[in-house]
Amino acid sequence: MNTLMDIRQELQTLASSAPAIIAATTTTAELADAEAAITGKRSPIAMARRGLGKIDPEQRRDVGILIKQVADALQHDIDQRRNELTESEETAALAADAVDMTLPGRAPVVGTHHVIQQVIDEIVDIFVALGFTVARGPEIETSFYNFTALNIPDTHPSRLESDTMYVDFGDADEGVLLRTHTSPMQARYMEQHDPPVYVVVPGKVFRADPLDPTHSPVFHQVEGLAVDTNITFGDLKGTLEMFAKQFLGKDTEVKFIPHYFPFTEPSAEMHAFSNGRWLELLGCGMVNPAVFENVGYDPSAVTGFAFGMGVERMAMVRHGIQDLRHLLENDARVLRQFV
């Protein structure tokens, strides 16, 4: 591009072909590449400007004007196309990033209580609605409260180390152990409160049992105690039948089978018809007068009933669980079923 004719021809060719190239671009990136080819450092316009020095000085002004006119016209087309493409791309980006406000939100995952705690809470709620108070006691007990105060004789097998986990508690005058049931709180509560007494005691208990489908060395109980004047076995049956219907369903049938417990007399097991068969649900009975004497109550002035149930067993009966270990293994696939 050394002659005036060459410069004019190149500029005319560029002026006629460049608008179509600019219009054909579909993205701002493509347009940037086209701009570099049309008006950039190696474009025909740049080469024309560098060739001005070789043109006759009398013609140089006219050629400079032509170069500017072509460059301005093409830059105008480029800027206009850039505005169009930028607006189009921004509109597309906004559409892709749009949030449909009519769709339901994504609810966060919410935790829940373990099924054992759910059952404890439900059992306690039922008895609280019947007028009982909730009490809790220590998990490490003395032999007096765990056995003696409850009329459990020295020769009872439950006192043996094969059944009970004792702990080394310094120079204690009597045996100290991990409580084997929540019943010790019956004695403790009656020592601290005058009758009438209506109390339920949920808590963790410990026994030297192997872990198998129906046993665990650590499990949970809910103990209940009612002491007042003229309480009868009929009151016990009515209260526990009401509980069973609340917990398992209003059509639940129950029956009471004679049994032996040192701290109640007479004593019974309450069975419930659930999942097509009769199942032992809990133990119960009228408070033995010896227990009243051990805590300072007058056995001739009051009567009462007591009951105790294993929470894990209640959960297994309620949900048809066959293996106790499913409740203890923290398998989310199992626990999510009880959310």
Protein backbone atom coordinates (compact mmCIF):
# COMPACT_ATOMS: atom_id res chain seq x y z
CA MET A 1 0.00 0.00 0.00
CA ASN A 2 2.50 2.50 -1.19
CA THR A 3 0.49 4.48 -3.75
CA LEU A 4 -2.54 6.68 -3.46
CA MET A 5 -4.49 4.26 -5.66
CA ASP A 6 -3.59 1.33 -3.43
CA ILE A 7 -4.70 3.17 -0.31
CA ARG A 8 -8.00 4.25 -1.81
CA GLN A 9 -8.73 0.76 -3.12
CA GLU A 10 -8.00 -0.91 0.22
CA LEU A 11 -10.16 1.59 2.08
CA GLN A 12 -13.07 1.18 -0.33
CA THR A 13 -12.83 -2.63 -0.06
CA LEU A 14 -12.76 -2.39 3.75
CA ALA A 15 -15.66 0.09 3.85
CA SER A 16 -17.83 -2.23 1.75
CA SER A 17 -16.97 -5.58 3.42
CA ALA A 18 -16.52 -4.63 7.09
CA PRO A 19 -20.18 -3.74 7.90
CA ALA A 20 -21.29 -7.28 6.98
CA ILE A 21 -18.53 -8.78 9.14
CA ILE A 22 -19.55 -6.56 12.06
CA ALA A 23 -23.23 -7.39 11.66
CA ALA A 24 -22.48 -11.14 11.54
CA THR A 25 -20.88 -11.24 15.00
CA THR A 26 -23.05 -12.92 17.68
CA THR A 27 -21.06 -12.27 20.86
CA THR A 28 -19.01 -9.43 22.26
CA ALA A 29 -15.97 -11.73 22.07
CA GLU A 30 -16.47 -12.26 18.32
CA LEU A 31 -16.95 -8.52 17.89
CA ALA A 32 -13.67 -7.80 19.69
CA ASP A 33 -11.84 -10.09 17.25
CA ALA A 34 -13.54 -8.39 14.28
CA GLU A 35 -12.66 -4.94 15.65
CA ALA A 36 -9.02 -5.90 15.91
CA ALA A 37 -9.03 -7.02 12.28
CA ILE A 38 -10.89 -3.91 11.03
CA THR A 39 -9.38 -1.04 13.05
CA GLY A 40 -6.54 -2.65 14.99
CA LYS A 41 -2.77 -2.25 14.72
CA ARG A 42 -2.53 -4.61 11.72
CA SER A 43 -5.74 -3.57 9.99
CA PRO A 44 -5.93 -1.89 6.56
CA ILE A 45 -6.73 1.39 8.30
CA ALA A 46 -3.54 1.22 10.38
CA MET A 47 -1.51 0.33 7.27
CA ALA A 48 -3.05 3.27 5.39
CA ARG A 49 -2.05 5.66 8.16
CA ARG A 50 1.49 4.34 8.13
CA GLY A 51 1.62 4.82 4.33
CA LEU A 52 0.69 8.52 4.44
CA GLY A 53 4.35 9.49 4.61
CA LYS A 54 5.00 8.09 1.15
CA ILE A 55 2.21 10.00 -0.56
CA ASP A 56 2.60 13.30 -2.34
CA PRO A 57 2.23 16.04 0.30
CA GLU A 58 -0.43 17.79 -1.80
CA GLN A 59 -2.64 14.67 -1.66
CA ARG A 60 -1.80 13.66 1.87
CA ARG A 61 -4.55 15.83 3.45
CA ASP A 62 -7.34 14.35 1.31
CA VAL A 63 -6.18 10.79 1.99
CA GLY A 64 -6.01 11.49 5.72
CA ILE A 65 -9.57 12.76 5.63
CA LEU A 66 -10.68 9.61 3.74
CA ILE A 67 -8.94 7.35 6.26
CA LYS A 68 -10.64 9.14 9.16
CA GLN A 69 -14.06 8.99 7.49
CA VAL A 70 -13.79 5.24 6.88
CA ALA A 71 -12.38 4.59 10.39
CA ASP A 72 -15.09 6.68 12.09
CA ALA A 73 -17.88 5.04 10.08
CA LEU A 74 -16.66 1.54 10.87
CA GLN A 75 -16.05 2.37 14.55
CA HIS A 76 -19.62 3.69 14.74
CA ASP A 77 -20.90 0.37 13.36
CA ILE A 78 -18.71 -1.53 15.85
CA ASP A 79 -19.88 0.53 18.83
CA GLN A 80 -23.51 0.17 17.82
CA ARG A 81 -23.14 -3.61 17.44
CA ARG A 82 -21.35 -3.81 20.78
CA ASN A 83 -24.27 -2.08 22.51
CA GLU A 84 -26.71 -4.53 20.90
CA LEU A 85 -24.68 -7.59 21.85
CA THR A 86 -24.02 -6.37 25.39
CA GLU A 87 -27.72 -5.76 26.00
CA SER A 88 -28.58 -9.17 24.57
CA GLU A 89 -26.00 -10.97 26.69
CA GLU A 90 -27.07 -9.15 29.86
CA THR A 91 -30.70 -10.06 29.19
CA ALA A 92 -29.76 -13.71 28.69
CA ALA A 93 -27.66 -13.73 31.87
CA LEU A 94 -30.50 -12.23 33.89
CA ALA A 95 -32.93 -14.79 32.49
CA ALA A 96 -30.58 -17.64 33.38
CA ASP A 97 -30.11 -16.27 36.89
CA ALA A 98 -33.77 -15.54 37.49
CA VAL A 99 -35.52 -16.93 40.58
CA ASP A 100 -39.09 -18.10 40.22
CA MET A 101 -40.71 -16.54 43.27
CA THR A 102 -43.77 -18.76 42.86
CA LEU A 103 -41.77 -21.94 43.55
CA PRO A 104 -41.68 -23.32 47.11
CA GLY A 105 -38.50 -22.56 49.01
CA ARG A 106 -35.88 -25.13 49.88
CA ALA A 107 -36.55 -26.08 53.48
CA PRO A 108 -33.37 -26.60 55.52
CA VAL A 109 -32.78 -30.03 57.00
CA VAL A 110 -34.01 -29.92 60.60
CA GLY A 111 -32.76 -32.28 63.27
CA THR A 112 -35.01 -34.18 65.61
CA HIS A 113 -34.84 -36.12 68.85
CA HIS A 114 -33.68 -39.71 68.80
CA VAL A 115 -36.59 -42.17 68.82
CA ILE A 116 -35.73 -43.18 72.41
CA GLN A 117 -36.02 -39.57 73.57
CA GLN A 118 -39.23 -39.17 71.59
CA VAL A 119 -40.73 -42.15 73.43
CA ILE A 120 -39.54 -40.83 76.82
CA ASP A 121 -41.12 -37.46 76.12
CA GLU A 122 -44.41 -39.00 75.03
CA ILE A 123 -44.64 -41.31 78.05
CA VAL A 124 -43.88 -38.45 80.42
CA ASP A 125 -46.37 -36.15 78.68
CA ILE A 126 -49.15 -38.72 79.10
CA PHE A 127 -48.58 -39.02 82.85
CA VAL A 128 -48.09 -35.29 83.33
CA ALA A 129 -51.52 -34.84 81.73
CA LEU A 130 -52.86 -37.25 84.38
CA GLY A 131 -51.45 -35.05 87.15
CA PHE A 132 -48.02 -36.59 87.75
CA THR A 133 -44.87 -34.57 88.43
CA VAL A 134 -41.52 -35.31 86.77
CA ALA A 135 -38.47 -36.03 88.96
CA ARG A 136 -34.94 -37.14 88.20
CA GLY A 137 -32.34 -38.79 90.38
CA PRO A 138 -28.63 -39.70 90.38
CA GLU A 139 -27.35 -42.42 88.08
CA ILE A 140 -24.84 -43.55 90.71
CA GLU A 141 -26.69 -44.87 93.74
CA THR A 142 -26.07 -46.44 97.12
CA SER A 143 -27.16 -49.96 97.94
CA PHE A 144 -29.65 -48.54 100.42
CA TYR A 145 -31.70 -46.61 97.88
CA ASN A 146 -31.23 -49.07 95.03
CA PHE A 147 -32.06 -52.18 97.09
CA THR A 148 -32.69 -51.88 100.84
CA ALA A 149 -35.21 -49.02 100.83
CA LEU A 150 -37.18 -50.91 98.16
CA ASN A 151 -37.47 -54.05 100.31
CA ILE A 152 -35.01 -56.02 98.17
CA PRO A 153 -33.39 -58.58 100.54
CA ASP A 154 -29.66 -59.08 100.91
CA THR A 155 -29.95 -62.47 99.26
CA HIS A 156 -31.61 -61.20 96.10
CA PRO A 157 -29.63 -62.10 92.92
CA SER A 158 -29.77 -58.52 91.66
CA ARG A 159 -27.30 -57.52 94.38
CA LEU A 160 -24.59 -59.77 92.92
CA GLU A 161 -21.79 -58.35 90.81
CA SER A 162 -22.86 -60.69 88.04
CA ASP A 163 -26.02 -58.57 87.66
CA THR A 164 -25.01 -55.14 88.93
CA MET A 165 -22.09 -52.85 88.13
CA TYR A 166 -20.51 -51.56 91.34
CA VAL A 167 -18.10 -48.63 91.44
CA ASP A 168 -15.14 -47.84 93.65
CA PHE A 169 -16.27 -44.83 95.69
CA GLY A 170 -13.48 -44.37 98.21
CA ASP A 171 -14.30 -45.31 101.78
CA ALA A 172 -18.08 -45.52 101.38
CA ASP A 173 -19.70 -47.54 104.17
CA GLU A 174 -22.09 -49.25 101.78
CA GLY A 175 -21.99 -50.42 98.19
CA VAL A 176 -22.06 -47.78 95.48
CA LEU A 177 -23.29 -48.80 92.06
CA LEU A 178 -24.66 -47.70 88.74
CA ARG A 179 -28.39 -47.78 89.43
CA THR A 180 -30.14 -50.84 88.06
CA HIS A 181 -33.53 -49.13 87.79
CA THR A 182 -35.08 -45.70 88.35
CA SER A 183 -36.98 -47.00 91.39
CA PRO A 184 -34.47 -45.55 93.93
CA MET A 185 -35.98 -42.16 93.17
CA GLN A 186 -39.26 -43.42 94.67
CA ALA A 187 -37.57 -43.66 98.06
CA ARG A 188 -35.66 -40.42 97.66
CA TYR A 189 -38.78 -38.51 96.59
CA MET A 190 -40.92 -39.84 99.44
CA GLU A 191 -38.20 -38.94 101.95
CA GLN A 192 -38.34 -35.34 100.73
CA HIS A 193 -42.09 -34.97 100.17
CA ASP A 194 -45.15 -35.66 102.27
CA PRO A 195 -48.07 -37.46 100.62
CA PRO A 196 -49.90 -37.17 98.33
CA VAL A 197 -47.21 -38.09 95.79
CA TYR A 198 -47.73 -38.51 92.05
CA VAL A 199 -44.38 -38.67 90.27
CA VAL A 200 -42.77 -40.18 87.16
CA VAL A 201 -39.02 -40.68 86.91
CA PRO A 202 -37.40 -41.06 83.47
CA GLY A 203 -33.73 -41.93 83.28
CA LYS A 204 -30.83 -44.12 82.26
CA VAL A 205 -30.10 -47.38 84.07
CA PHE A 206 -27.31 -49.96 83.97
CA ARG A 207 -27.11 -53.72 84.27
CA ALA A 208 -24.42 -56.32 83.58
CA ASP A 209 -26.25 -57.67 80.54
CA PRO A 210 -24.68 -58.56 77.18
CA LEU A 211 -25.75 -56.59 74.12
CA ASP A 212 -28.15 -58.72 72.11
CA PRO A 213 -31.46 -58.23 70.27
CA THR A 214 -33.40 -57.77 73.54
CA HIS A 215 -30.80 -56.65 76.12
CA SER A 216 -28.33 -53.84 76.63
CA PRO A 217 -26.00 -52.95 79.52
CA VAL A 218 -27.33 -49.38 79.31
CA PHE A 219 -30.98 -48.59 78.69
CA HIS A 220 -33.77 -46.27 79.83
CA GLN A 221 -36.71 -46.61 82.16
CA VAL A 222 -39.69 -44.57 83.25
CA GLU A 223 -40.78 -45.25 86.82
CA GLY A 224 -44.05 -44.10 88.29
CA LEU A 225 -45.34 -43.73 91.84
CA ALA A 226 -48.72 -42.66 93.23
CA VAL A 227 -49.23 -42.39 97.00
CA ASP A 228 -52.40 -41.06 98.60
CA THR A 229 -55.21 -42.12 100.88
CA ASN A 230 -57.43 -44.99 99.72
CA ILE A 231 -55.58 -45.77 96.46
CA THR A 232 -56.60 -49.20 95.21
CA PHE A 233 -55.48 -51.73 92.64
CA GLY A 234 -58.41 -50.53 90.57
CA ASP A 235 -56.77 -47.08 90.41
CA LEU A 236 -53.56 -48.72 89.20
CA LYS A 237 -55.38 -50.67 86.49
CA GLY A 238 -57.40 -47.68 85.33
CA THR A 239 -54.33 -45.41 85.17
CA LEU A 240 -52.16 -47.87 83.25
CA GLU A 241 -54.95 -48.91 80.90
CA MET A 242 -55.48 -45.23 80.10
CA PHE A 243 -51.75 -44.90 79.43
CA ALA A 244 -51.70 -47.93 77.11
CA LYS A 245 -54.62 -46.57 75.08
CA GLN A 246 -52.93 -43.18 74.79
CA PHE A 247 -49.58 -44.67 73.79
CA LEU A 248 -50.64 -47.56 71.54
CA GLY A 249 -54.13 -46.55 70.41
CA LYS A 250 -57.60 -46.23 71.85
CA ASP A 251 -58.57 -49.81 70.93
CA THR A 252 -55.62 -51.38 72.77
CA GLU A 253 -56.54 -54.29 75.04
CA VAL A 254 -54.58 -54.92 78.24
CA LYS A 255 -54.47 -57.64 80.86
CA PHE A 256 -52.74 -57.95 84.23
CA ILE A 257 -50.91 -61.16 85.11
CA PRO A 258 -49.77 -61.84 88.72
CA HIS A 259 -46.04 -61.49 89.23
CA TYR A 260 -43.53 -60.92 92.03
CA PHE A 261 -41.62 -57.72 92.82
CA PRO A 262 -40.09 -57.12 96.30
CA PHE A 263 -41.23 -53.50 96.45
CA THR A 264 -44.88 -54.07 95.52
CA GLU A 265 -47.56 -56.41 96.90
CA PRO A 266 -49.66 -57.51 95.13
CA SER A 267 -47.65 -57.23 91.90
CA ALA A 268 -48.43 -57.78 88.25
CA GLU A 269 -47.18 -57.54 84.70
CA MET A 270 -49.35 -55.56 82.32
CA HIS A 271 -49.58 -57.09 78.85
CA ALA A 272 -50.98 -55.33 75.80
CA PHE A 273 -52.32 -56.77 72.57
CA SER A 274 -50.19 -55.11 69.87
CA ASN A 275 -49.11 -56.06 66.35
CA GLY A 276 -51.32 -59.13 66.49
CA ARG A 277 -50.02 -60.64 69.73
CA TRP A 278 -49.88 -60.17 73.48
CA LEU A 279 -46.69 -58.47 74.68
CA GLU A 280 -45.38 -57.70 78.15
CA LEU A 281 -45.47 -53.93 78.49
CA LEU A 282 -44.49 -53.08 82.09
CA GLY A 283 -44.36 -54.21 85.70
CA CYS A 284 -46.55 -52.74 88.43
CA GLY A 285 -48.18 -53.31 91.81
CA MET A 286 -49.32 -51.80 95.07
CA VAL A 287 -46.47 -50.31 97.10
CA ASN A 288 -45.26 -52.74 99.75
CA PRO A 289 -45.89 -51.34 103.27
CA ALA A 290 -42.24 -52.10 104.07
CA VAL A 291 -41.20 -49.46 101.53
CA PHE A 292 -43.40 -46.89 103.27
CA GLU A 293 -41.77 -47.74 106.60
CA ASN A 294 -38.27 -47.39 105.11
CA VAL A 295 -38.97 -43.81 103.96
CA GLY A 296 -40.87 -42.70 107.08
CA TYR A 297 -44.47 -42.94 105.84
CA ASP A 298 -47.21 -44.46 108.00
CA PRO A 299 -48.39 -47.61 106.13
CA SER A 300 -51.74 -47.42 107.89
CA ALA A 301 -52.40 -43.90 106.61
CA VAL A 302 -51.52 -44.19 102.94
CA THR A 303 -51.58 -46.61 100.05
CA GLY A 304 -50.07 -46.36 96.63
CA PHE A 305 -49.08 -48.04 93.43
CA ALA A 306 -45.87 -48.10 91.43
CA PHE A 307 -44.96 -49.12 87.90
CA GLY A 308 -41.88 -49.23 85.72
CA MET A 309 -41.28 -49.71 82.02
CA GLY A 310 -38.29 -50.01 79.71
CA VAL A 311 -38.30 -47.21 77.17
CA GLU A 312 -36.50 -49.22 74.49
CA ARG A 313 -39.08 -51.98 74.88
CA MET A 314 -41.90 -49.47 74.53
CA ALA A 315 -40.29 -48.14 71.34
CA MET A 316 -39.90 -51.67 69.97
CA VAL A 317 -43.56 -52.50 70.70
CA ARG A 318 -44.78 -49.21 69.24
CA HIS A 319 -42.76 -49.44 66.01
CA GLY A 320 -42.50 -53.21 65.55
CA ILE A 321 -38.72 -53.23 65.97
CA GLN A 322 -37.32 -56.73 66.43
CA ASP A 323 -33.72 -55.93 67.39
CA LEU A 324 -32.87 -53.51 70.20
CA ARG A 325 -29.49 -52.79 68.62
CA HIS A 326 -31.14 -50.89 65.77
CA LEU A 327 -31.93 -48.15 68.29
CA LEU A 328 -28.32 -47.88 69.45
CA GLU A 329 -26.22 -48.10 66.29
CA ASN A 330 -26.91 -44.53 65.06
CA ASP A 331 -27.71 -45.74 61.56
CA ALA A 332 -29.34 -42.74 59.88
CA ARG A 333 -31.30 -45.03 57.56
CA VAL A 334 -33.08 -46.42 60.61
CA LEU A 335 -33.42 -43.24 62.64
CA ARG A 336 -34.88 -41.20 59.76
CA GLN A 337 -37.89 -43.51 59.80
CA PHE A 338 -38.94 -41.98 63.13
CA VAL A 339 -38.60 -38.29 62.25
